[in-house]
Amino acid sequence: MMKLEWNTKTCKELLLDYQPAQKKGKKLYFEGVDNQDVYNITAPFMNEGELHIAGRVEERNSEESEIIFFTCKNDIWTPKMNLPRFQLQDPFITCIRGEWILGGVELHFNSDTKAMAGWKTVIYRGRNLHELERAATGPWNMKDIRLIELIDGRIGIFSRPFGIDGTRALIGFSIIESFEELSEMAIIKAPLFRDQFLKDEWGGANEIHLLKNGLLGVLGHISYTDETGQLHYHAMSFVLNPWTREKSQVKIIAVRSDFPEGPSKRPNLVDVIFSGGLIRKDHGLADLYVGASDTEAYCIEISDPFTEFETMDVANDTTSH
């Protein structure tokens, strides 16, 4: 069902409707990074006839990260040495009008104290991965900005501003005509969905899928902090009609306990998964790729959360622009 507005459910209420996967997720193994952690990966994607993954790579006791492209042989992912690396966190990647679009989070530090002063999402573009050039930045302290080419050729923007009207973070969405119109102001002005999270909970979009009927399948996360200070991040999804802004209700599609136990970067990150990407398959199934507890990367087979929406008749307005 698609509606303009839903009654907001808490994480705990959404978990009551959650059906765990039948099999535990599997860990992804990485080599060639000097025993650094690799997590918050993208889904695998094809580039020049070879399967790649982009991952966040960093020391266990540091937040200073590098995005590295990996390729796989014998179930081991190793760096693709002839591809560039980026001093960014949490990679995302898509194609728009024949170009690669790579993004990540750039940290900014105080020059005197060396303390973290904030961050910006940085977006690169290029005809191939060898020639990605810095092309745009998001607003100050905004993560989870995502772009998608719509079925009518325009570009959808997902935003995630902090602290609007006392909220933690909300998801916004707007449409621009071309990449050249992308700017911090265009992102800031994206109208917000105010019915997805309670004020003390938050979420964001992690990867966007264009469905056959023009709807947008949104893979994301929903999060909260409990009374003991523990963070809880779950993978979630919803589907959006980009022309009418009707959407499905947020649905949890994976939780940390769906994966083997593993180390945590900090004690309060034990119950954290961060959606990286989704590979849709036949027979209503999909492979979900996640980072776990800010230390490891996993993959799990789940029911495709977008299948039921792909055959819907869609009201759209593709001729009015």
C-alpha atoms as a PDB file:
ATOM      1  CA  MET A   1       0.000   0.000   0.000  1.00  0.00           C
ATOM      2  CA  MET A   2       1.160   3.528  -0.821  1.00  0.00           C
ATOM      3  CA  LYS A   3       0.007   6.617   1.079  1.00  0.00           C
ATOM      4  CA  LEU A   4       1.032  10.237   1.421  1.00  0.00           C
ATOM      5  CA  GLU A   5       1.247   9.963   5.204  1.00  0.00           C
ATOM      6  CA  TRP A   6       1.478   7.133   7.695  1.00  0.00           C
ATOM      7  CA  ASN A   7       1.040   6.836  11.438  1.00  0.00           C
ATOM      8  CA  THR A   8       4.617   6.774  12.669  1.00  0.00           C
ATOM      9  CA  LYS A   9       5.811   3.521  14.243  1.00  0.00           C
ATOM     10  CA  THR A  10       8.734   3.144  16.635  1.00  0.00           C
ATOM     11  CA  CYS A  11      11.641   0.822  15.906  1.00  0.00           C
ATOM     12  CA  LYS A  12      10.312  -1.573  18.530  1.00  0.00           C
ATOM     13  CA  GLU A  13       6.865  -1.590  16.913  1.00  0.00           C
ATOM     14  CA  LEU A  14       8.375  -2.252  13.486  1.00  0.00           C
ATOM     15  CA  LEU A  15      10.395  -5.129  14.944  1.00  0.00           C
ATOM     16  CA  LEU A  16       7.161  -6.840  15.994  1.00  0.00           C
ATOM     17  CA  ASP A  17       6.340  -7.237  12.295  1.00  0.00           C
ATOM     18  CA  TYR A  18       9.831  -8.371  11.338  1.00  0.00           C
ATOM     19  CA  GLN A  19      10.398 -11.936  10.132  1.00  0.00           C
ATOM     20  CA  PRO A  20      14.076 -12.965  10.475  1.00  0.00           C
ATOM     21  CA  ALA A  21      15.903 -14.447   7.511  1.00  0.00           C
ATOM     22  CA  GLN A  22      15.986 -18.242   7.335  1.00  0.00           C
ATOM     23  CA  LYS A  23      19.776 -18.404   7.261  1.00  0.00           C
ATOM     24  CA  LYS A  24      22.435 -16.315   8.966  1.00  0.00           C
ATOM     25  CA  GLY A  25      24.373 -13.863   6.862  1.00  0.00           C
ATOM     26  CA  LYS A  26      27.909 -14.598   5.706  1.00  0.00           C
ATOM     27  CA  LYS A  27      31.018 -12.579   6.424  1.00  0.00           C
ATOM     28  CA  LEU A  28      32.972 -11.016   3.564  1.00  0.00           C
ATOM     29  CA  TYR A  29      36.740 -11.426   3.773  1.00  0.00           C
ATOM     30  CA  PHE A  30      39.228  -8.739   2.767  1.00  0.00           C
ATOM     31  CA  GLU A  31      43.005  -8.856   2.378  1.00  0.00           C
ATOM     32  CA  GLY A  32      45.688  -6.397   1.337  1.00  0.00           C
ATOM     33  CA  VAL A  33      44.697  -3.596   3.728  1.00  0.00           C
ATOM     34  CA  ASP A  34      47.251  -4.170   6.534  1.00  0.00           C
ATOM     35  CA  ASN A  35      44.664  -5.743   8.861  1.00  0.00           C
ATOM     36  CA  GLN A  36      42.485  -2.642   8.831  1.00  0.00           C
ATOM     37  CA  ASP A  37      38.716  -3.024   9.151  1.00  0.00           C
ATOM     38  CA  VAL A  38      36.570  -2.980   6.008  1.00  0.00           C
ATOM     39  CA  TYR A  39      32.895  -2.215   6.520  1.00  0.00           C
ATOM     40  CA  ASN A  40      29.952  -0.119   5.286  1.00  0.00           C
ATOM     41  CA  ILE A  41      30.472  -1.522   1.816  1.00  0.00           C
ATOM     42  CA  THR A  42      28.482  -0.941  -1.335  1.00  0.00           C
ATOM     43  CA  ALA A  43      26.751  -3.810  -3.076  1.00  0.00           C
ATOM     44  CA  PRO A  44      28.954  -5.479  -5.706  1.00  0.00           C
ATOM     45  CA  PHE A  45      28.799  -3.837  -9.136  1.00  0.00           C
ATOM     46  CA  MET A  46      30.248  -4.586 -12.562  1.00  0.00           C
ATOM     47  CA  ASN A  47      33.004  -2.367 -13.911  1.00  0.00           C
ATOM     48  CA  GLU A  48      34.938  -3.161 -17.080  1.00  0.00           C
ATOM     49  CA  GLY A  49      33.770  -6.783 -16.981  1.00  0.00           C
ATOM     50  CA  GLU A  50      34.841  -7.361 -13.366  1.00  0.00           C
ATOM     51  CA  LEU A  51      32.899  -7.402 -10.104  1.00  0.00           C
ATOM     52  CA  HIS A  52      33.860  -4.614  -7.676  1.00  0.00           C
ATOM     53  CA  ILE A  53      32.936  -3.474  -4.175  1.00  0.00           C
ATOM     54  CA  ALA A  54      33.739  -0.109  -2.610  1.00  0.00           C
ATOM     55  CA  GLY A  55      34.403  -0.274   1.129  1.00  0.00           C
ATOM     56  CA  ARG A  56      35.244   1.941   4.094  1.00  0.00           C
ATOM     57  CA  VAL A  57      38.725   1.038   5.354  1.00  0.00           C
ATOM     58  CA  GLU A  58      40.191   2.256   8.645  1.00  0.00           C
ATOM     59  CA  GLU A  59      42.098   1.360  11.786  1.00  0.00           C
ATOM     60  CA  ARG A  60      39.996   0.013  14.674  1.00  0.00           C
ATOM     61  CA  ASN A  61      40.765   3.010  16.903  1.00  0.00           C
ATOM     62  CA  SER A  62      40.340   5.696  14.231  1.00  0.00           C
ATOM     63  CA  GLU A  63      37.600   7.471  12.276  1.00  0.00           C
ATOM     64  CA  GLU A  64      39.963   8.569   9.495  1.00  0.00           C
ATOM     65  CA  SER A  65      38.835   6.391   6.613  1.00  0.00           C
ATOM     66  CA  GLU A  66      39.705   5.591   3.045  1.00  0.00           C
ATOM     67  CA  ILE A  67      37.338   4.363   0.351  1.00  0.00           C
ATOM     68  CA  ILE A  68      38.992   1.548  -1.584  1.00  0.00           C
ATOM     69  CA  PHE A  69      37.706  -0.420  -4.589  1.00  0.00           C
ATOM     70  CA  PHE A  70      38.046  -4.194  -4.213  1.00  0.00           C
ATOM     71  CA  THR A  71      37.736  -7.138  -6.595  1.00  0.00           C
ATOM     72  CA  CYS A  72      37.114 -10.752  -5.635  1.00  0.00           C
ATOM     73  CA  LYS A  73      39.003 -13.976  -6.281  1.00  0.00           C
ATOM     74  CA  ASN A  74      38.323 -17.248  -4.453  1.00  0.00           C
ATOM     75  CA  ASP A  75      35.928 -15.445  -2.084  1.00  0.00           C
ATOM     76  CA  ILE A  76      38.639 -12.999  -0.977  1.00  0.00           C
ATOM     77  CA  TRP A  77      38.298  -9.296  -1.764  1.00  0.00           C
ATOM     78  CA  THR A  78      41.556  -7.439  -2.447  1.00  0.00           C
ATOM     79  CA  PRO A  79      42.218  -3.811  -3.474  1.00  0.00           C
ATOM     80  CA  LYS A  80      42.107  -2.977  -7.167  1.00  0.00           C
ATOM     81  CA  MET A  81      45.491  -1.326  -7.256  1.00  0.00           C
ATOM     82  CA  ASN A  82      45.045   0.785 -10.395  1.00  0.00           C
ATOM     83  CA  LEU A  83      41.897   2.537  -9.146  1.00  0.00           C
ATOM     84  CA  PRO A  84      41.932   5.756  -7.091  1.00  0.00           C
ATOM     85  CA  ARG A  85      41.337   5.894  -3.338  1.00  0.00           C
ATOM     86  CA  PHE A  86      39.426   8.593  -1.525  1.00  0.00           C
ATOM     87  CA  GLN A  87      39.788  10.005   2.007  1.00  0.00           C
ATOM     88  CA  LEU A  88      36.093   9.477   2.727  1.00  0.00           C
ATOM     89  CA  GLN A  89      33.736   7.338   4.800  1.00  0.00           C
ATOM     90  CA  ASP A  90      30.690   5.247   3.845  1.00  0.00           C
ATOM     91  CA  PRO A  91      30.834   4.931   0.046  1.00  0.00           C
ATOM     92  CA  PHE A  92      27.817   4.893  -2.257  1.00  0.00           C
ATOM     93  CA  ILE A  93      27.848   4.449  -6.017  1.00  0.00           C
ATOM     94  CA  THR A  94      25.396   4.660  -8.886  1.00  0.00           C
ATOM     95  CA  CYS A  95      25.257   5.470 -12.601  1.00  0.00           C
ATOM     96  CA  ILE A  96      23.506   8.559 -13.963  1.00  0.00           C
ATOM     97  CA  ARG A  97      23.317   9.231 -17.703  1.00  0.00           C
ATOM     98  CA  GLY A  98      26.262   6.950 -18.415  1.00  0.00           C
ATOM     99  CA  GLU A  99      28.527   8.349 -15.704  1.00  0.00           C
ATOM    100  CA  TRP A 100      29.700   6.813 -12.467  1.00  0.00           C
ATOM    101  CA  ILE A 101      28.607   8.776  -9.392  1.00  0.00           C
ATOM    102  CA  LEU A 102      30.635   8.007  -6.259  1.00  0.00           C
ATOM    103  CA  GLY A 103      29.988   9.624  -2.911  1.00  0.00           C
ATOM    104  CA  GLY A 104      31.243   9.470   0.645  1.00  0.00           C
ATOM    105  CA  VAL A 105      31.553  11.463   3.848  1.00  0.00           C
ATOM    106  CA  GLU A 106      34.505  13.823   4.251  1.00  0.00           C
ATOM    107  CA  LEU A 107      35.562  14.650   7.815  1.00  0.00           C
ATOM    108  CA  HIS A 108      36.761  18.124   8.779  1.00  0.00           C
ATOM    109  CA  PHE A 109      39.078  18.689  11.747  1.00  0.00           C
ATOM    110  CA  ASN A 110      39.906  21.776  13.785  1.00  0.00           C
ATOM    111  CA  SER A 111      43.359  22.926  12.679  1.00  0.00           C
ATOM    112  CA  ASP A 112      44.394  23.827  16.231  1.00  0.00           C
ATOM    113  CA  THR A 113      42.884  21.114  18.426  1.00  0.00           C
ATOM    114  CA  LYS A 114      42.667  18.393  15.739  1.00  0.00           C
ATOM    115  CA  ALA A 115      39.180  17.608  17.080  1.00  0.00           C
ATOM    116  CA  MET A 116      36.489  16.748  14.548  1.00  0.00           C
ATOM    117  CA  ALA A 117      34.669  19.918  13.489  1.00  0.00           C
ATOM    118  CA  GLY A 118      32.066  18.337  11.223  1.00  0.00           C
ATOM    119  CA  TRP A 119      31.584  16.595   7.902  1.00  0.00           C
ATOM    120  CA  LYS A 120      30.249  16.941   4.395  1.00  0.00           C
ATOM    121  CA  THR A 121      29.065  14.478   1.780  1.00  0.00           C
ATOM    122  CA  VAL A 122      31.314  14.725  -1.281  1.00  0.00           C
ATOM    123  CA  ILE A 123      30.261  13.503  -4.714  1.00  0.00           C
ATOM    124  CA  TYR A 124      32.562  12.521  -7.587  1.00  0.00           C
ATOM    125  CA  ARG A 125      31.588  11.802 -11.192  1.00  0.00           C
ATOM    126  CA  GLY A 126      33.328  10.368 -14.232  1.00  0.00           C
ATOM    127  CA  ARG A 127      32.954   8.263 -17.359  1.00  0.00           C
ATOM    128  CA  ASN A 128      35.066   5.563 -15.675  1.00  0.00           C
ATOM    129  CA  LEU A 129      36.389   4.832 -12.203  1.00  0.00           C
ATOM    130  CA  HIS A 130      39.918   5.865 -13.190  1.00  0.00           C
ATOM    131  CA  GLU A 131      38.875   9.451 -13.885  1.00  0.00           C
ATOM    132  CA  LEU A 132      36.446  10.368 -11.109  1.00  0.00           C
ATOM    133  CA  GLU A 133      36.486  14.092 -10.385  1.00  0.00           C
ATOM    134  CA  ARG A 134      35.099  16.000  -7.433  1.00  0.00           C
ATOM    135  CA  ALA A 135      31.803  17.476  -8.641  1.00  0.00           C
ATOM    136  CA  ALA A 136      29.594  18.520  -5.694  1.00  0.00           C
ATOM    137  CA  THR A 137      29.339  18.713  -1.917  1.00  0.00           C
ATOM    138  CA  GLY A 138      26.364  18.488   0.375  1.00  0.00           C
ATOM    139  CA  PRO A 139      25.365  20.812   3.207  1.00  0.00           C
ATOM    140  CA  TRP A 140      27.412  20.939   6.406  1.00  0.00           C
ATOM    141  CA  ASN A 141      26.910  17.890   8.676  1.00  0.00           C
ATOM    142  CA  MET A 142      24.559  16.016   6.334  1.00  0.00           C
ATOM    143  CA  LYS A 143      25.192  12.353   5.589  1.00  0.00           C
ATOM    144  CA  ASP A 144      23.101   9.910   3.525  1.00  0.00           C
ATOM    145  CA  ILE A 145      22.617  12.081   0.454  1.00  0.00           C
ATOM    146  CA  ARG A 146      21.722   9.806  -2.442  1.00  0.00           C
ATOM    147  CA  LEU A 147      21.041  10.342  -6.154  1.00  0.00           C
ATOM    148  CA  ILE A 148      19.075   8.272  -8.674  1.00  0.00           C
ATOM    149  CA  GLU A 149      18.235   8.692 -12.348  1.00  0.00           C
ATOM    150  CA  LEU A 150      14.453   8.577 -12.711  1.00  0.00           C
ATOM    151  CA  ILE A 151      12.593   6.770 -15.469  1.00  0.00           C
ATOM    152  CA  ASP A 152      11.884  10.130 -17.139  1.00  0.00           C
ATOM    153  CA  GLY A 153      15.588  11.089 -17.191  1.00  0.00           C
ATOM    154  CA  ARG A 154      15.499  13.586 -14.352  1.00  0.00           C
ATOM    155  CA  ILE A 155      17.442  13.059 -11.118  1.00  0.00           C
ATOM    156  CA  GLY A 156      15.998  12.315  -7.708  1.00  0.00           C
ATOM    157  CA  ILE A 157      17.797  13.608  -4.606  1.00  0.00           C
ATOM    158  CA  PHE A 158      17.426  12.062  -1.157  1.00  0.00           C
ATOM    159  CA  SER A 159      18.601  14.179   1.779  1.00  0.00           C
ATOM    160  CA  ARG A 160      18.926  13.653   5.532  1.00  0.00           C
ATOM    161  CA  PRO A 161      19.006  16.899   7.545  1.00  0.00           C
ATOM    162  CA  PHE A 162      19.699  16.877  11.289  1.00  0.00           C
ATOM    163  CA  GLY A 163      17.722  18.651  13.967  1.00  0.00           C
ATOM    164  CA  ILE A 164      14.696  19.933  12.036  1.00  0.00           C
ATOM    165  CA  ASP A 165      11.979  21.008  14.506  1.00  0.00           C
ATOM    166  CA  GLY A 166      13.537  18.971  17.302  1.00  0.00           C
ATOM    167  CA  THR A 167      13.944  15.764  15.279  1.00  0.00           C
ATOM    168  CA  ARG A 168      17.144  13.738  15.138  1.00  0.00           C
ATOM    169  CA  ALA A 169      17.187  13.272  11.339  1.00  0.00           C
ATOM    170  CA  LEU A 170      14.597  13.011   8.574  1.00  0.00           C
ATOM    171  CA  ILE A 171      14.616  11.888   4.948  1.00  0.00           C
ATOM    172  CA  GLY A 172      13.889  14.443   2.238  1.00  0.00           C
ATOM    173  CA  PHE A 173      13.298  14.040  -1.492  1.00  0.00           C
ATOM    174  CA  SER A 174      13.248  16.345  -4.496  1.00  0.00           C
ATOM    175  CA  ILE A 175      13.762  16.217  -8.259  1.00  0.00           C
ATOM    176  CA  ILE A 176      16.170  18.213 -10.417  1.00  0.00           C
ATOM    177  CA  GLU A 177      16.463  18.309 -14.205  1.00  0.00           C
ATOM    178  CA  SER A 178      20.165  17.404 -14.423  1.00  0.00           C
ATOM    179  CA  PHE A 179      23.309  16.844 -12.386  1.00  0.00           C
ATOM    180  CA  GLU A 180      24.363  20.418 -13.165  1.00  0.00           C
ATOM    181  CA  GLU A 181      21.490  21.649 -10.960  1.00  0.00           C
ATOM    182  CA  LEU A 182      22.834  19.755  -7.944  1.00  0.00           C
ATOM    183  CA  SER A 183      23.870  22.169  -5.196  1.00  0.00           C
ATOM    184  CA  GLU A 184      23.833  22.468  -1.425  1.00  0.00           C
ATOM    185  CA  MET A 185      20.714  24.637  -1.673  1.00  0.00           C
ATOM    186  CA  ALA A 186      18.937  22.099  -3.892  1.00  0.00           C
ATOM    187  CA  ILE A 187      19.620  19.444  -1.261  1.00  0.00           C
ATOM    188  CA  ILE A 188      18.569  21.670   1.654  1.00  0.00           C
ATOM    189  CA  LYS A 189      15.295  22.536  -0.073  1.00  0.00           C
ATOM    190  CA  ALA A 190      14.235  18.902  -0.553  1.00  0.00           C
ATOM    191  CA  PRO A 191      10.772  18.532   1.093  1.00  0.00           C
ATOM    192  CA  LEU A 192      10.849  16.214   4.108  1.00  0.00           C
ATOM    193  CA  PHE A 193       8.903  13.088   5.037  1.00  0.00           C
ATOM    194  CA  ARG A 194       7.826  13.767   8.620  1.00  0.00           C
ATOM    195  CA  ASP A 195       5.922  10.530   9.285  1.00  0.00           C
ATOM    196  CA  GLN A 196       8.743   7.963   9.127  1.00  0.00           C
ATOM    197  CA  PHE A 197      10.596   8.438  12.440  1.00  0.00           C
ATOM    198  CA  LEU A 198       9.766   9.606  15.935  1.00  0.00           C
ATOM    199  CA  LYS A 199      11.627  12.706  17.110  1.00  0.00           C
ATOM    200  CA  ASP A 200      14.106  10.670  19.159  1.00  0.00           C
ATOM    201  CA  GLU A 201      14.687   8.108  16.380  1.00  0.00           C
ATOM    202  CA  TRP A 202      16.212   8.659  12.963  1.00  0.00           C
ATOM    203  CA  GLY A 203      17.053   7.101   9.648  1.00  0.00           C
ATOM    204  CA  GLY A 204      18.398   7.688   6.179  1.00  0.00           C
ATOM    205  CA  ALA A 205      18.523   6.384   2.612  1.00  0.00           C
ATOM    206  CA  ASN A 206      21.522   4.233   1.708  1.00  0.00           C
ATOM    207  CA  GLU A 207      20.825   3.003  -1.831  1.00  0.00           C
ATOM    208  CA  ILE A 208      18.048   3.709  -4.335  1.00  0.00           C
ATOM    209  CA  HIS A 209      16.626   1.249  -6.889  1.00  0.00           C
ATOM    210  CA  LEU A 210      14.645   2.325  -9.940  1.00  0.00           C
ATOM    211  CA  LEU A 211      11.801  -0.168 -10.315  1.00  0.00           C
ATOM    212  CA  LYS A 212      10.407  -1.148 -13.728  1.00  0.00           C
ATOM    213  CA  ASN A 213       7.299   0.989 -13.254  1.00  0.00           C
ATOM    214  CA  GLY A 214       9.248   4.096 -12.232  1.00  0.00           C
ATOM    215  CA  LEU A 215       8.765   3.757  -8.479  1.00  0.00           C
ATOM    216  CA  LEU A 216      11.853   4.093  -6.293  1.00  0.00           C
ATOM    217  CA  GLY A 217      12.867   1.311  -3.943  1.00  0.00           C
ATOM    218  CA  VAL A 218      14.701   2.867  -1.008  1.00  0.00           C
ATOM    219  CA  LEU A 219      17.146   0.804   1.030  1.00  0.00           C
ATOM    220  CA  GLY A 220      18.046   2.547   4.261  1.00  0.00           C
ATOM    221  CA  HIS A 221      18.461   2.362   8.017  1.00  0.00           C
ATOM    222  CA  ILE A 222      16.355   3.220  11.056  1.00  0.00           C
ATOM    223  CA  SER A 223      18.029   3.912  14.391  1.00  0.00           C
ATOM    224  CA  TYR A 224      17.650   4.899  18.010  1.00  0.00           C
ATOM    225  CA  THR A 225      19.632   5.136  21.244  1.00  0.00           C
ATOM    226  CA  ASP A 226      18.284   3.265  24.262  1.00  0.00           C
ATOM    227  CA  GLU A 227      18.280   4.369  27.893  1.00  0.00           C
ATOM    228  CA  THR A 228      21.723   2.799  28.486  1.00  0.00           C
ATOM    229  CA  GLY A 229      23.339   4.654  25.571  1.00  0.00           C
ATOM    230  CA  GLN A 230      23.413   1.651  23.228  1.00  0.00           C
ATOM    231  CA  LEU A 231      22.884   2.420  19.549  1.00  0.00           C
ATOM    232  CA  HIS A 232      20.484   0.246  17.551  1.00  0.00           C
ATOM    233  CA  TYR A 233      20.684   0.400  13.744  1.00  0.00           C
ATOM    234  CA  HIS A 234      18.443  -1.817  11.589  1.00  0.00           C
ATOM    235  CA  ALA A 235      18.202  -2.168   7.814  1.00  0.00           C
ATOM    236  CA  MET A 236      14.906  -0.867   6.465  1.00  0.00           C
ATOM    237  CA  SER A 237      13.164  -0.199   3.166  1.00  0.00           C
ATOM    238  CA  PHE A 238      10.264   1.701   1.670  1.00  0.00           C
ATOM    239  CA  VAL A 239       9.003   2.471  -1.836  1.00  0.00           C
ATOM    240  CA  LEU A 240       8.357   5.987  -3.140  1.00  0.00           C
ATOM    241  CA  ASN A 241       6.339   7.336  -6.053  1.00  0.00           C
ATOM    242  CA  PRO A 242       8.606  10.237  -7.070  1.00  0.00           C
ATOM    243  CA  TRP A 243       5.811  12.146  -8.830  1.00  0.00           C
ATOM    244  CA  THR A 244       3.081  11.982  -6.181  1.00  0.00           C
ATOM    245  CA  ARG A 245       5.298  11.466  -3.072  1.00  0.00           C
ATOM    246  CA  GLU A 246       3.094   8.566  -2.028  1.00  0.00           C
ATOM    247  CA  LYS A 247       5.171   5.917  -0.271  1.00  0.00           C
ATOM    248  CA  SER A 248       4.959   2.600   1.515  1.00  0.00           C
ATOM    249  CA  GLN A 249       5.464   2.365   5.248  1.00  0.00           C
ATOM    250  CA  VAL A 250       8.969   1.862   6.567  1.00  0.00           C
ATOM    251  CA  LYS A 251       9.729  -1.856   6.976  1.00  0.00           C
ATOM    252  CA  ILE A 252      12.655  -3.457   8.815  1.00  0.00           C
ATOM    253  CA  ILE A 253      14.358  -6.014   6.560  1.00  0.00           C
ATOM    254  CA  ALA A 254      17.411  -7.099   8.607  1.00  0.00           C
ATOM    255  CA  VAL A 255      18.870  -6.743  12.109  1.00  0.00           C
ATOM    256  CA  ARG A 256      22.289  -7.392  13.656  1.00  0.00           C
ATOM    257  CA  SER A 257      21.253 -10.778  15.083  1.00  0.00           C
ATOM    258  CA  ASP A 258      20.721 -12.049  11.506  1.00  0.00           C
ATOM    259  CA  PHE A 259      24.511 -12.177  11.219  1.00  0.00           C
ATOM    260  CA  PRO A 260      27.259 -14.005  13.129  1.00  0.00           C
ATOM    261  CA  GLU A 261      28.625 -12.330  16.243  1.00  0.00           C
ATOM    262  CA  GLY A 262      31.740 -10.264  15.753  1.00  0.00           C
ATOM    263  CA  PRO A 263      33.867  -7.458  17.165  1.00  0.00           C
ATOM    264  CA  SER A 264      32.548  -3.950  17.737  1.00  0.00           C
ATOM    265  CA  LYS A 265      34.462  -0.702  17.220  1.00  0.00           C
ATOM    266  CA  ARG A 266      32.974   0.630  20.464  1.00  0.00           C
ATOM    267  CA  PRO A 267      30.833  -1.032  23.154  1.00  0.00           C
ATOM    268  CA  ASN A 268      27.727   0.938  22.122  1.00  0.00           C
ATOM    269  CA  LEU A 269      27.886  -0.334  18.508  1.00  0.00           C
ATOM    270  CA  VAL A 270      27.169  -4.012  19.173  1.00  0.00           C
ATOM    271  CA  ASP A 271      23.623  -3.847  17.729  1.00  0.00           C
ATOM    272  CA  VAL A 272      24.438  -1.908  14.549  1.00  0.00           C
ATOM    273  CA  ILE A 273      24.140  -2.785  10.875  1.00  0.00           C
ATOM    274  CA  PHE A 274      24.418  -0.189   8.124  1.00  0.00           C
ATOM    275  CA  SER A 275      22.782  -0.997   4.793  1.00  0.00           C
ATOM    276  CA  GLY A 276      25.268  -0.814   1.936  1.00  0.00           C
ATOM    277  CA  GLY A 277      23.425  -2.182  -1.051  1.00  0.00           C
ATOM    278  CA  LEU A 278      20.991  -4.721  -2.432  1.00  0.00           C
ATOM    279  CA  ILE A 279      21.358  -7.091  -5.382  1.00  0.00           C
ATOM    280  CA  ARG A 280      17.899  -8.053  -6.616  1.00  0.00           C
ATOM    281  CA  LYS A 281      17.610 -11.630  -7.906  1.00  0.00           C
ATOM    282  CA  ASP A 282      14.984 -13.915  -9.429  1.00  0.00           C
ATOM    283  CA  HIS A 283      12.154 -15.602  -7.507  1.00  0.00           C
ATOM    284  CA  GLY A 284      11.538 -12.657  -5.182  1.00  0.00           C
ATOM    285  CA  LEU A 285      14.929 -12.853  -3.466  1.00  0.00           C
ATOM    286  CA  ALA A 286      17.739 -10.372  -2.940  1.00  0.00           C
ATOM    287  CA  ASP A 287      21.224 -10.257  -1.427  1.00  0.00           C
ATOM    288  CA  LEU A 288      21.642  -7.518   1.176  1.00  0.00           C
ATOM    289  CA  TYR A 289      25.140  -6.158   1.903  1.00  0.00           C
ATOM    290  CA  VAL A 290      25.778  -4.437   5.219  1.00  0.00           C
ATOM    291  CA  GLY A 291      28.465  -3.141   7.535  1.00  0.00           C
ATOM    292  CA  ALA A 292      28.241  -4.517  11.074  1.00  0.00           C
ATOM    293  CA  SER A 293      29.284  -2.870  14.342  1.00  0.00           C
ATOM    294  CA  ASP A 294      31.692  -0.563  12.441  1.00  0.00           C
ATOM    295  CA  THR A 295      34.186  -3.393  11.952  1.00  0.00           C
ATOM    296  CA  GLU A 296      33.015  -6.023   9.435  1.00  0.00           C
ATOM    297  CA  ALA A 297      31.000  -6.580   6.255  1.00  0.00           C
ATOM    298  CA  TYR A 298      28.341  -9.222   5.632  1.00  0.00           C
ATOM    299  CA  CYS A 299      25.904 -10.449   2.999  1.00  0.00           C
ATOM    300  CA  ILE A 300      22.545 -12.138   3.584  1.00  0.00           C
ATOM    301  CA  GLU A 301      19.798 -13.476   1.316  1.00  0.00           C
ATOM    302  CA  ILE A 302      16.408 -11.937   2.089  1.00  0.00           C
ATOM    303  CA  SER A 303      13.034 -11.548   0.432  1.00  0.00           C
ATOM    304  CA  ASP A 304      13.191  -8.750  -2.116  1.00  0.00           C
ATOM    305  CA  PRO A 305      11.406  -5.859  -0.360  1.00  0.00           C
ATOM    306  CA  PHE A 306      10.478  -4.200  -3.672  1.00  0.00           C
ATOM    307  CA  THR A 307       8.932  -7.074  -5.662  1.00  0.00           C
ATOM    308  CA  GLU A 308       5.332  -6.492  -4.585  1.00  0.00           C
ATOM    309  CA  PHE A 309       5.457  -2.845  -5.692  1.00  0.00           C
ATOM    310  CA  GLU A 310       6.976  -3.366  -9.131  1.00  0.00           C
ATOM    311  CA  THR A 311       3.730  -4.474 -10.797  1.00  0.00           C
ATOM    312  CA  MET A 312       1.608  -1.645  -9.401  1.00  0.00           C
ATOM    313  CA  ASP A 313      -0.099   0.780 -11.763  1.00  0.00           C
ATOM    314  CA  VAL A 314       1.669   4.049 -11.145  1.00  0.00           C
ATOM    315  CA  ALA A 315       0.198   7.537 -11.266  1.00  0.00           C
ATOM    316  CA  ASN A 316       2.914   9.815 -12.597  1.00  0.00           C
ATOM    317  CA  ASP A 317       3.524  13.158 -14.182  1.00  0.00           C
ATOM    318  CA  THR A 318       6.381  12.667 -16.587  1.00  0.00           C
ATOM    319  CA  THR A 319       5.209  15.245 -19.119  1.00  0.00           C
ATOM    320  CA  SER A 320       4.842  18.344 -16.960  1.00  0.00           C
ATOM    321  CA  HIS A 321       8.519  19.313 -16.747  1.00  0.00           C
END
